[in-house]
Amino acid sequence: LVSQFHDFDPKLAANLKEKEVVLDVLHRDISHF
């Protein structure tokens, strides 16, 4: 994310959002576990 300050890359931004989805899934599944 911090590297985006120097040169914003839409593809990398989409990849970062995908990682946030991973965090949401892990949050849910670890909590249930």
Full PDB file with SEQRES, HELIX, SHEET, SSBOND, CRYST1, ORIGX, SCALE, CONECT and MASTER records, all heavy atoms in Angstrom:
SEQRES   1 A   33  LEU VAL SER GLN PHE HIS ASP PHE ASP PRO LYS LEU ALA          
SEQRES   2 A   33  ALA ASN LEU LYS GLU LYS GLU VAL VAL LEU ASP VAL LEU          
SEQRES   3 A   33  HIS ARG ASP ILE SER HIS PHE                                  
HELIX    1 AA1 VAL A    2  PHE A    5  5                                   4    
HELIX    2 AA2 PRO A   10  HIS A   32  1                                  23    
CRYST1    1.000    1.000    1.000  90.00  90.00  90.00 P 1           1          
ORIGX1      1.000000  0.000000  0.000000        0.00000                         
ORIGX2      0.000000  1.000000  0.000000        0.00000                         
ORIGX3      0.000000  0.000000  1.000000        0.00000                         
SCALE1      1.000000  0.000000  0.000000        0.00000                         
SCALE2      0.000000  1.000000  0.000000        0.00000                         
SCALE3      0.000000  0.000000  1.000000        0.00000                         
ATOM      1  N   LEU A   1       0.825  -1.200   0.000  1.00  0.00           N  
ATOM      2  CA  LEU A   1       0.000   0.000   0.000  1.00  0.00           C  
ATOM      3  C   LEU A   1       0.865   1.257   0.000  1.00  0.00           C  
ATOM      4  O   LEU A   1       0.630   2.192  -0.775  1.00  0.00           O  
ATOM      5  CB  LEU A   1      -0.914  -0.008   1.221  1.00  0.00           C  
ATOM      6  CG  LEU A   1      -1.590   1.322   1.595  1.00  0.00           C  
ATOM      7  CD1 LEU A   1      -2.608   1.702   0.527  1.00  0.00           C  
ATOM      8  CD2 LEU A   1      -2.259   1.223   2.948  1.00  0.00           C  
ATOM      9  N   VAL A   2       1.885   1.303   0.849  1.00  0.00           N  
ATOM     10  CA  VAL A   2       2.739   2.484   0.946  1.00  0.00           C  
ATOM     11  C   VAL A   2       3.482   2.722  -0.370  1.00  0.00           C  
ATOM     12  O   VAL A   2       3.721   3.877  -0.759  1.00  0.00           O  
ATOM     13  CB  VAL A   2       3.729   2.325   2.121  1.00  0.00           C  
ATOM     14  CG1 VAL A   2       4.726   3.486   2.159  1.00  0.00           C  
ATOM     15  CG2 VAL A   2       2.973   2.272   3.447  1.00  0.00           C  
ATOM     16  N   SER A   3       3.818   1.643  -1.085  1.00  0.00           N  
ATOM     17  CA  SER A   3       4.499   1.804  -2.373  1.00  0.00           C  
ATOM     18  C   SER A   3       3.606   2.486  -3.403  1.00  0.00           C  
ATOM     19  O   SER A   3       4.106   3.035  -4.392  1.00  0.00           O  
ATOM     20  CB  SER A   3       4.949   0.441  -2.907  1.00  0.00           C  
ATOM     21  OG  SER A   3       3.830  -0.332  -3.320  1.00  0.00           O  
ATOM     22  N   GLN A   4       2.289   2.477  -3.178  1.00  0.00           N  
ATOM     23  CA  GLN A   4       1.349   3.102  -4.116  1.00  0.00           C  
ATOM     24  C   GLN A   4       1.440   4.626  -4.093  1.00  0.00           C  
ATOM     25  O   GLN A   4       0.953   5.289  -5.008  1.00  0.00           O  
ATOM     26  CB  GLN A   4      -0.092   2.681  -3.793  1.00  0.00           C  
ATOM     27  CG  GLN A   4      -0.382   1.214  -4.056  1.00  0.00           C  
ATOM     28  CD  GLN A   4      -0.565   0.931  -5.531  1.00  0.00           C  
ATOM     29  OE1 GLN A   4       0.399   0.841  -6.283  1.00  0.00           O  
ATOM     30  NE2 GLN A   4      -1.793   0.798  -5.966  1.00  0.00           N  
ATOM     31  N   PHE A   5       2.035   5.186  -3.038  1.00  0.00           N  
ATOM     32  CA  PHE A   5       2.168   6.644  -2.969  1.00  0.00           C  
ATOM     33  C   PHE A   5       3.048   7.168  -4.097  1.00  0.00           C  
ATOM     34  O   PHE A   5       2.836   8.258  -4.619  1.00  0.00           O  
ATOM     35  CB  PHE A   5       2.764   7.050  -1.617  1.00  0.00           C  
ATOM     36  CG  PHE A   5       1.753   7.129  -0.512  1.00  0.00           C  
ATOM     37  CD1 PHE A   5       1.580   6.088   0.366  1.00  0.00           C  
ATOM     38  CD2 PHE A   5       0.949   8.247  -0.373  1.00  0.00           C  
ATOM     39  CE1 PHE A   5       0.646   6.152   1.383  1.00  0.00           C  
ATOM     40  CE2 PHE A   5       0.008   8.323   0.637  1.00  0.00           C  
ATOM     41  CZ  PHE A   5      -0.143   7.278   1.518  1.00  0.00           C  
ATOM     42  N   HIS A   6       4.064   6.407  -4.458  1.00  0.00           N  
ATOM     43  CA  HIS A   6       5.018   6.865  -5.458  1.00  0.00           C  
ATOM     44  C   HIS A   6       4.502   6.642  -6.884  1.00  0.00           C  
ATOM     45  O   HIS A   6       4.728   7.465  -7.757  1.00  0.00           O  
ATOM     46  CB  HIS A   6       6.350   6.142  -5.258  1.00  0.00           C  
ATOM     47  CG  HIS A   6       6.908   6.290  -3.869  1.00  0.00           C  
ATOM     48  ND1 HIS A   6       7.462   7.478  -3.420  1.00  0.00           N  
ATOM     49  CD2 HIS A   6       6.975   5.422  -2.823  1.00  0.00           C  
ATOM     50  CE1 HIS A   6       7.858   7.328  -2.168  1.00  0.00           C  
ATOM     51  NE2 HIS A   6       7.578   6.086  -1.789  1.00  0.00           N  
ATOM     52  N   ASP A   7       3.824   5.528  -7.119  1.00  0.00           N  
ATOM     53  CA  ASP A   7       3.320   5.229  -8.464  1.00  0.00           C  
ATOM     54  C   ASP A   7       2.096   4.331  -8.325  1.00  0.00           C  
ATOM     55  O   ASP A   7       2.219   3.127  -8.111  1.00  0.00           O  
ATOM     56  CB  ASP A   7       4.412   4.535  -9.284  1.00  0.00           C  
ATOM     57  CG  ASP A   7       3.974   4.298 -10.729  1.00  0.00           C  
ATOM     58  OD1 ASP A   7       3.025   4.976 -11.161  1.00  0.00           O  
ATOM     59  OD2 ASP A   7       4.579   3.441 -11.398  1.00  0.00           O  
ATOM     60  N   PHE A   8       0.896   4.937  -8.447  1.00  0.00           N  
ATOM     61  CA  PHE A   8      -0.333   4.182  -8.241  1.00  0.00           C  
ATOM     62  C   PHE A   8      -0.544   3.195  -9.378  1.00  0.00           C  
ATOM     63  O   PHE A   8      -0.542   3.574 -10.557  1.00  0.00           O  
ATOM     64  CB  PHE A   8      -1.533   5.132  -8.139  1.00  0.00           C  
ATOM     65  CG  PHE A   8      -2.811   4.438  -7.785  1.00  0.00           C  
ATOM     66  CD1 PHE A   8      -3.106   4.163  -6.458  1.00  0.00           C  
ATOM     67  CD2 PHE A   8      -3.717   4.046  -8.765  1.00  0.00           C  
ATOM     68  CE1 PHE A   8      -4.284   3.516  -6.114  1.00  0.00           C  
ATOM     69  CE2 PHE A   8      -4.888   3.395  -8.434  1.00  0.00           C  
ATOM     70  CZ  PHE A   8      -5.168   3.131  -7.093  1.00  0.00           C  
ATOM     71  N   ASP A   9      -0.730   1.923  -9.014  1.00  0.00           N  
ATOM     72  CA  ASP A   9      -0.924   0.852  -9.986  1.00  0.00           C  
ATOM     73  C   ASP A   9      -2.300   0.230  -9.754  1.00  0.00           C  
ATOM     74  O   ASP A   9      -2.520  -0.413  -8.725  1.00  0.00           O  
ATOM     75  CB  ASP A   9       0.171  -0.205  -9.833  1.00  0.00           C  
ATOM     76  CG  ASP A   9       0.058  -1.322 -10.863  1.00  0.00           C  
ATOM     77  OD1 ASP A   9      -0.886  -1.277 -11.680  1.00  0.00           O  
ATOM     78  OD2 ASP A   9       0.897  -2.239 -10.843  1.00  0.00           O  
ATOM     79  N   PRO A  10      -3.259   0.400 -10.692  1.00  0.00           N  
ATOM     80  CA  PRO A  10      -4.610  -0.150 -10.480  1.00  0.00           C  
ATOM     81  C   PRO A  10      -4.620  -1.667 -10.290  1.00  0.00           C  
ATOM     82  O   PRO A  10      -5.414  -2.193  -9.520  1.00  0.00           O  
ATOM     83  CB  PRO A  10      -5.358   0.249 -11.758  1.00  0.00           C  
ATOM     84  CG  PRO A  10      -4.599   1.417 -12.292  1.00  0.00           C  
ATOM     85  CD  PRO A  10      -3.171   1.187 -11.928  1.00  0.00           C  
ATOM     86  N   LYS A  11      -3.739  -2.394 -10.998  1.00  0.00           N  
ATOM     87  CA  LYS A  11      -3.683  -3.849 -10.853  1.00  0.00           C  
ATOM     88  C   LYS A  11      -3.237  -4.233  -9.453  1.00  0.00           C  
ATOM     89  O   LYS A  11      -3.792  -5.153  -8.839  1.00  0.00           O  
ATOM     90  CB  LYS A  11      -2.744  -4.450 -11.894  1.00  0.00           C  
ATOM     91  CG  LYS A  11      -3.257  -4.370 -13.319  1.00  0.00           C  
ATOM     92  CD  LYS A  11      -2.326  -5.074 -14.285  1.00  0.00           C  
ATOM     93  CE  LYS A  11      -2.881  -5.033 -15.704  1.00  0.00           C  
ATOM     94  NZ  LYS A  11      -1.972  -5.704 -16.668  1.00  0.00           N  
ATOM     95  N   LEU A  12      -2.221  -3.533  -8.936  1.00  0.00           N  
ATOM     96  CA  LEU A  12      -1.766  -3.815  -7.579  1.00  0.00           C  
ATOM     97  C   LEU A  12      -2.844  -3.446  -6.571  1.00  0.00           C  
ATOM     98  O   LEU A  12      -3.040  -4.153  -5.568  1.00  0.00           O  
ATOM     99  CB  LEU A  12      -0.484  -3.036  -7.286  1.00  0.00           C  
ATOM    100  CG  LEU A  12       0.129  -3.232  -5.885  1.00  0.00           C  
ATOM    101  CD1 LEU A  12       0.444  -4.702  -5.630  1.00  0.00           C  
ATOM    102  CD2 LEU A  12       1.378  -2.378  -5.719  1.00  0.00           C  
ATOM    103  N   ALA A  13      -3.577  -2.367  -6.828  1.00  0.00           N  
ATOM    104  CA  ALA A  13      -4.670  -1.967  -5.929  1.00  0.00           C  
ATOM    105  C   ALA A  13      -5.739  -3.054  -5.876  1.00  0.00           C  
ATOM    106  O   ALA A  13      -6.269  -3.371  -4.803  1.00  0.00           O  
ATOM    107  CB  ALA A  13      -5.267  -0.639  -6.391  1.00  0.00           C  
ATOM    108  N   ALA A  14      -6.071  -3.640  -7.037  1.00  0.00           N  
ATOM    109  CA  ALA A  14      -7.053  -4.727  -7.062  1.00  0.00           C  
ATOM    110  C   ALA A  14      -6.539  -5.944  -6.299  1.00  0.00           C  
ATOM    111  O   ALA A  14      -7.289  -6.617  -5.591  1.00  0.00           O  
ATOM    112  CB  ALA A  14      -7.364  -5.112  -8.512  1.00  0.00           C  
ATOM    113  N   ASN A  15      -5.232  -6.213  -6.407  1.00  0.00           N  
ATOM    114  CA  ASN A  15      -4.630  -7.325  -5.674  1.00  0.00           C  
ATOM    115  C   ASN A  15      -4.683  -7.086  -4.168  1.00  0.00           C  
ATOM    116  O   ASN A  15      -4.915  -8.019  -3.382  1.00  0.00           O  
ATOM    117  CB  ASN A  15      -3.193  -7.513  -6.144  1.00  0.00           C  
ATOM    118  CG  ASN A  15      -2.506  -8.689  -5.467  1.00  0.00           C  
ATOM    119  OD1 ASN A  15      -1.724  -8.512  -4.537  1.00  0.00           O  
ATOM    120  ND2 ASN A  15      -2.787  -9.892  -5.937  1.00  0.00           N  
ATOM    121  N   LEU A  16      -4.490  -5.841  -3.753  1.00  0.00           N  
ATOM    122  CA  LEU A  16      -4.560  -5.505  -2.328  1.00  0.00           C  
ATOM    123  C   LEU A  16      -5.974  -5.687  -1.793  1.00  0.00           C  
ATOM    124  O   LEU A  16      -6.171  -6.164  -0.664  1.00  0.00           O  
ATOM    125  CB  LEU A  16      -4.097  -4.063  -2.110  1.00  0.00           C  
ATOM    126  CG  LEU A  16      -2.627  -3.772  -2.409  1.00  0.00           C  
ATOM    127  CD1 LEU A  16      -2.306  -2.299  -2.175  1.00  0.00           C  
ATOM    128  CD2 LEU A  16      -1.718  -4.632  -1.540  1.00  0.00           C  
ATOM    129  N   LYS A  17      -6.968  -5.328  -2.598  1.00  0.00           N  
ATOM    130  CA  LYS A  17      -8.353  -5.536  -2.173  1.00  0.00           C  
ATOM    131  C   LYS A  17      -8.667  -7.028  -2.041  1.00  0.00           C  
ATOM    132  O   LYS A  17      -9.437  -7.435  -1.174  1.00  0.00           O  
ATOM    133  CB  LYS A  17      -9.316  -4.873  -3.176  1.00  0.00           C  
ATOM    134  CG  LYS A  17      -9.416  -3.355  -3.025  1.00  0.00           C  
ATOM    135  CD  LYS A  17     -10.420  -2.779  -4.001  1.00  0.00           C  
ATOM    136  CE  LYS A  17     -10.681  -1.312  -3.717  1.00  0.00           C  
ATOM    137  NZ  LYS A  17     -11.438  -1.093  -2.463  1.00  0.00           N  
ATOM    138  N   GLU A  18      -8.069  -7.843  -2.902  1.00  0.00           N  
ATOM    139  CA  GLU A  18      -8.267  -9.283  -2.809  1.00  0.00           C  
ATOM    140  C   GLU A  18      -7.690  -9.815  -1.498  1.00  0.00           C  
ATOM    141  O   GLU A  18      -8.261 -10.709  -0.866  1.00  0.00           O  
ATOM    142  CB  GLU A  18      -7.599  -9.961  -4.009  1.00  0.00           C  
ATOM    143  CG  GLU A  18      -7.898 -11.445  -4.115  1.00  0.00           C  
ATOM    144  CD  GLU A  18      -7.333 -12.055  -5.385  1.00  0.00           C  
ATOM    145  OE1 GLU A  18      -7.330 -11.365  -6.419  1.00  0.00           O  
ATOM    146  OE2 GLU A  18      -6.891 -13.214  -5.341  1.00  0.00           O  
ATOM    147  N   LYS A  19      -6.566  -9.262  -1.081  1.00  0.00           N  
ATOM    148  CA  LYS A  19      -5.972  -9.677   0.201  1.00  0.00           C  
ATOM    149  C   LYS A  19      -6.863  -9.271   1.372  1.00  0.00           C  
ATOM    150  O   LYS A  19      -6.930  -9.991   2.377  1.00  0.00           O  
ATOM    151  CB  LYS A  19      -4.581  -9.062   0.355  1.00  0.00           C  
ATOM    152  CG  LYS A  19      -3.545  -9.662  -0.592  1.00  0.00           C  
ATOM    153  CD  LYS A  19      -2.196  -8.973  -0.449  1.00  0.00           C  
ATOM    154  CE  LYS A  19      -1.206  -9.567  -1.444  1.00  0.00           C  
ATOM    155  NZ  LYS A  19       0.087  -8.863  -1.439  1.00  0.00           N  
ATOM    156  N   GLU A  20      -7.540  -8.148   1.238  1.00  0.00           N  
ATOM    157  CA  GLU A  20      -8.447  -7.740   2.314  1.00  0.00           C  
ATOM    158  C   GLU A  20      -9.618  -8.704   2.421  1.00  0.00           C  
ATOM    159  O   GLU A  20     -10.103  -8.988   3.511  1.00  0.00           O  
ATOM    160  CB  GLU A  20      -8.944  -6.313   2.036  1.00  0.00           C  
ATOM    161  CG  GLU A  20      -9.365  -5.552   3.285  1.00  0.00           C  
ATOM    162  CD  GLU A  20     -10.710  -6.005   3.830  1.00  0.00           C  
ATOM    163  OE1 GLU A  20     -11.614  -6.273   3.018  1.00  0.00           O  
ATOM    164  OE2 GLU A  20     -10.864  -6.090   5.064  1.00  0.00           O  
ATOM    165  N   VAL A  21     -10.068  -9.233   1.278  1.00  0.00           N  
ATOM    166  CA  VAL A  21     -11.115 -10.261   1.286  1.00  0.00           C  
ATOM    167  C   VAL A  21     -10.615 -11.502   2.020  1.00  0.00           C  
ATOM    168  O   VAL A  21     -11.354 -12.132   2.789  1.00  0.00           O  
ATOM    169  CB  VAL A  21     -11.540 -10.610  -0.161  1.00  0.00           C  
ATOM    170  CG1 VAL A  21     -12.473 -11.815  -0.167  1.00  0.00           C  
ATOM    171  CG2 VAL A  21     -12.227  -9.424  -0.814  1.00  0.00           C  
ATOM    172  N   VAL A  22      -9.337 -11.853   1.812  1.00  0.00           N  
ATOM    173  CA  VAL A  22      -8.747 -12.997   2.522  1.00  0.00           C  
ATOM    174  C   VAL A  22      -8.788 -12.760   4.025  1.00  0.00           C  
ATOM    175  O   VAL A  22      -9.132 -13.659   4.799  1.00  0.00           O  
ATOM    176  CB  VAL A  22      -7.301 -13.233   2.048  1.00  0.00           C  
ATOM    177  CG1 VAL A  22      -6.651 -14.360   2.846  1.00  0.00           C  
ATOM    178  CG2 VAL A  22      -7.260 -13.558   0.565  1.00  0.00           C  
ATOM    179  N   LEU A  23      -8.456 -11.553   4.446  1.00  0.00           N  
ATOM    180  CA  LEU A  23      -8.496 -11.231   5.880  1.00  0.00           C  
ATOM    181  C   LEU A  23      -9.917 -11.358   6.427  1.00  0.00           C  
ATOM    182  O   LEU A  23     -10.113 -11.844   7.554  1.00  0.00           O  
ATOM    183  CB  LEU A  23      -7.959  -9.814   6.117  1.00  0.00           C  
ATOM    184  CG  LEU A  23      -6.457  -9.604   5.853  1.00  0.00           C  
ATOM    185  CD1 LEU A  23      -6.078  -8.146   6.079  1.00  0.00           C  
ATOM    186  CD2 LEU A  23      -5.619 -10.501   6.764  1.00  0.00           C  
ATOM    187  N   ASP A  24     -10.907 -10.922   5.662  1.00  0.00           N  
ATOM    188  CA  ASP A  24     -12.303 -11.059   6.096  1.00  0.00           C  
ATOM    189  C   ASP A  24     -12.673 -12.533   6.289  1.00  0.00           C  
ATOM    190  O   ASP A  24     -13.319 -12.905   7.275  1.00  0.00           O  
ATOM    191  CB  ASP A  24     -13.242 -10.423   5.071  1.00  0.00           C  
ATOM    192  CG  ASP A  24     -13.165  -8.908   5.065  1.00  0.00           C  
ATOM    193  OD1 ASP A  24     -12.684  -8.338   6.061  1.00  0.00           O  
ATOM    194  OD2 ASP A  24     -13.567  -8.297   4.059  1.00  0.00           O  
ATOM    195  N   VAL A  25     -12.270 -13.370   5.329  1.00  0.00           N  
ATOM    196  CA  VAL A  25     -12.587 -14.796   5.407  1.00  0.00           C  
ATOM    197  C   VAL A  25     -11.900 -15.442   6.602  1.00  0.00           C  
ATOM    198  O   VAL A  25     -12.519 -16.202   7.357  1.00  0.00           O  
ATOM    199  CB  VAL A  25     -12.182 -15.502   4.091  1.00  0.00           C  
ATOM    200  CG1 VAL A  25     -12.320 -17.011   4.221  1.00  0.00           C  
ATOM    201  CG2 VAL A  25     -13.035 -15.001   2.931  1.00  0.00           C  
ATOM    202  N   LEU A  26     -10.620 -15.131   6.794  1.00  0.00           N  
ATOM    203  CA  LEU A  26      -9.882 -15.711   7.927  1.00  0.00           C  
ATOM    204  C   LEU A  26     -10.444 -15.227   9.254  1.00  0.00           C  
ATOM    205  O   LEU A  26     -10.518 -15.998  10.227  1.00  0.00           O  
ATOM    206  CB  LEU A  26      -8.397 -15.353   7.815  1.00  0.00           C  
ATOM    207  CG  LEU A  26      -7.638 -15.980   6.638  1.00  0.00           C  
ATOM    208  CD1 LEU A  26      -6.181 -15.527   6.640  1.00  0.00           C  
ATOM    209  CD2 LEU A  26      -7.711 -17.498   6.705  1.00  0.00           C  
ATOM    210  N   HIS A  27     -10.848 -13.959   9.315  1.00  0.00           N  
ATOM    211  CA  HIS A  27     -11.474 -13.426  10.529  1.00  0.00           C  
ATOM    212  C   HIS A  27     -12.713 -14.233  10.902  1.00  0.00           C  
ATOM    213  O   HIS A  27     -12.886 -14.648  12.058  1.00  0.00           O  
ATOM    214  CB  HIS A  27     -11.835 -11.955  10.286  1.00  0.00           C  
ATOM    215  CG  HIS A  27     -12.613 -11.327  11.397  1.00  0.00           C  
ATOM    216  ND1 HIS A  27     -13.696 -10.518  11.190  1.00  0.00           N  
ATOM    217  CD2 HIS A  27     -12.472 -11.411  12.748  1.00  0.00           C  
ATOM    218  CE1 HIS A  27     -14.187 -10.116  12.352  1.00  0.00           C  
ATOM    219  NE2 HIS A  27     -13.461 -10.645  13.306  1.00  0.00           N  
ATOM    220  N   ARG A  28     -13.548 -14.489   9.911  1.00  0.00           N  
ATOM    221  CA  ARG A  28     -14.769 -15.257  10.153  1.00  0.00           C  
ATOM    222  C   ARG A  28     -14.467 -16.696  10.562  1.00  0.00           C  
ATOM    223  O   ARG A  28     -14.999 -17.190  11.567  1.00  0.00           O  
ATOM    224  CB  ARG A  28     -15.615 -15.235   8.882  1.00  0.00           C  
ATOM    225  CG  ARG A  28     -16.944 -15.977   8.975  1.00  0.00           C  
ATOM    226  CD  ARG A  28     -17.462 -16.308   7.589  1.00  0.00           C  
ATOM    227  NE  ARG A  28     -16.608 -17.273   6.919  1.00  0.00           N  
ATOM    228  CZ  ARG A  28     -16.468 -17.337   5.597  1.00  0.00           C  
ATOM    229  NH1 ARG A  28     -17.083 -16.491   4.829  1.00  0.00           N  
ATOM    230  NH2 ARG A  28     -15.680 -18.253   5.061  1.00  0.00           N  
ATOM    231  N   ASP A  29     -13.595 -17.359   9.802  1.00  0.00           N  
ATOM    232  CA  ASP A  29     -13.358 -18.784  10.040  1.00  0.00           C  
ATOM    233  C   ASP A  29     -12.582 -19.039  11.328  1.00  0.00           C  
ATOM    234  O   ASP A  29     -12.867 -20.000  12.051  1.00  0.00           O  
ATOM    235  CB  ASP A  29     -12.608 -19.391   8.850  1.00  0.00           C  
ATOM    236  CG  ASP A  29     -13.479 -19.480   7.603  1.00  0.00           C  
ATOM    237  OD1 ASP A  29     -14.702 -19.267   7.737  1.00  0.00           O  
ATOM    238  OD2 ASP A  29     -12.951 -19.749   6.511  1.00  0.00           O  
ATOM    239  N   ILE A  30     -11.594 -18.193  11.632  1.00  0.00           N  
ATOM    240  CA  ILE A  30     -10.844 -18.368  12.885  1.00  0.00           C  
ATOM    241  C   ILE A  30     -11.754 -18.118  14.082  1.00  0.00           C  
ATOM    242  O   ILE A  30     -11.688 -18.832  15.090  1.00  0.00           O  
ATOM    243  CB  ILE A  30      -9.623 -17.432  12.923  1.00  0.00           C  
ATOM    244  CG1 ILE A  30      -8.622 -17.807  11.827  1.00  0.00           C  
ATOM    245  CG2 ILE A  30      -8.935 -17.494  14.283  1.00  0.00           C  
ATOM    246  CD1 ILE A  30      -7.452 -16.836  11.697  1.00  0.00           C  
ATOM    247  N   SER A  31     -12.613 -17.101  13.964  1.00  0.00           N  
ATOM    248  CA  SER A  31     -13.538 -16.806  15.077  1.00  0.00           C  
ATOM    249  C   SER A  31     -14.478 -17.987  15.330  1.00  0.00           C  
ATOM    250  O   SER A  31     -14.686 -18.395  16.486  1.00  0.00           O  
ATOM    251  CB  SER A  31     -14.347 -15.542  14.762  1.00  0.00           C  
ATOM    252  OG  SER A  31     -13.502 -14.423  14.618  1.00  0.00           O  
ATOM    253  N   HIS A  32     -15.059 -18.551  14.265  1.00  0.00           N  
ATOM    254  CA  HIS A  32     -15.936 -19.717  14.424  1.00  0.00           C  
ATOM    255  C   HIS A  32     -15.170 -20.889  15.023  1.00  0.00           C  
ATOM    256  O   HIS A  32     -15.694 -21.614  15.897  1.00  0.00           O  
ATOM    257  CB  HIS A  32     -16.510 -20.127  13.069  1.00  0.00           C  
ATOM    258  CG  HIS A  32     -17.526 -19.167  12.546  1.00  0.00           C  
ATOM    259  ND1 HIS A  32     -17.994 -19.207  11.251  1.00  0.00           N  
ATOM    260  CD2 HIS A  32     -18.178 -18.128  13.134  1.00  0.00           C  
ATOM    261  CE1 HIS A  32     -18.887 -18.242  11.073  1.00  0.00           C  
ATOM    262  NE2 HIS A  32     -19.001 -17.572  12.197  1.00  0.00           N  
ATOM    263  N   PHE A  33     -13.937 -21.074  14.588  1.00  0.00           N  
ATOM    264  CA  PHE A  33     -13.108 -22.174  15.082  1.00  0.00           C  
ATOM    265  C   PHE A  33     -12.818 -22.009  16.574  1.00  0.00           C  
ATOM    266  O   PHE A  33     -12.953 -22.965  17.362  1.00  0.00           O  
ATOM    267  CB  PHE A  33     -11.803 -22.210  14.283  1.00  0.00           C  
ATOM    268  CG  PHE A  33     -10.893 -23.353  14.621  1.00  0.00           C  
ATOM    269  CD1 PHE A  33     -11.125 -24.623  14.125  1.00  0.00           C  
ATOM    270  CD2 PHE A  33      -9.777 -23.154  15.422  1.00  0.00           C  
ATOM    271  CE1 PHE A  33     -10.280 -25.682  14.425  1.00  0.00           C  
ATOM    272  CE2 PHE A  33      -8.922 -24.194  15.733  1.00  0.00           C  
ATOM    273  CZ  PHE A  33      -9.172 -25.461  15.232  1.00  0.00           C  
TER     274      PHE A  33                                                      
MASTER        0    0    0    2    0    0    0    6  273    1    0    3          
END                                                                             
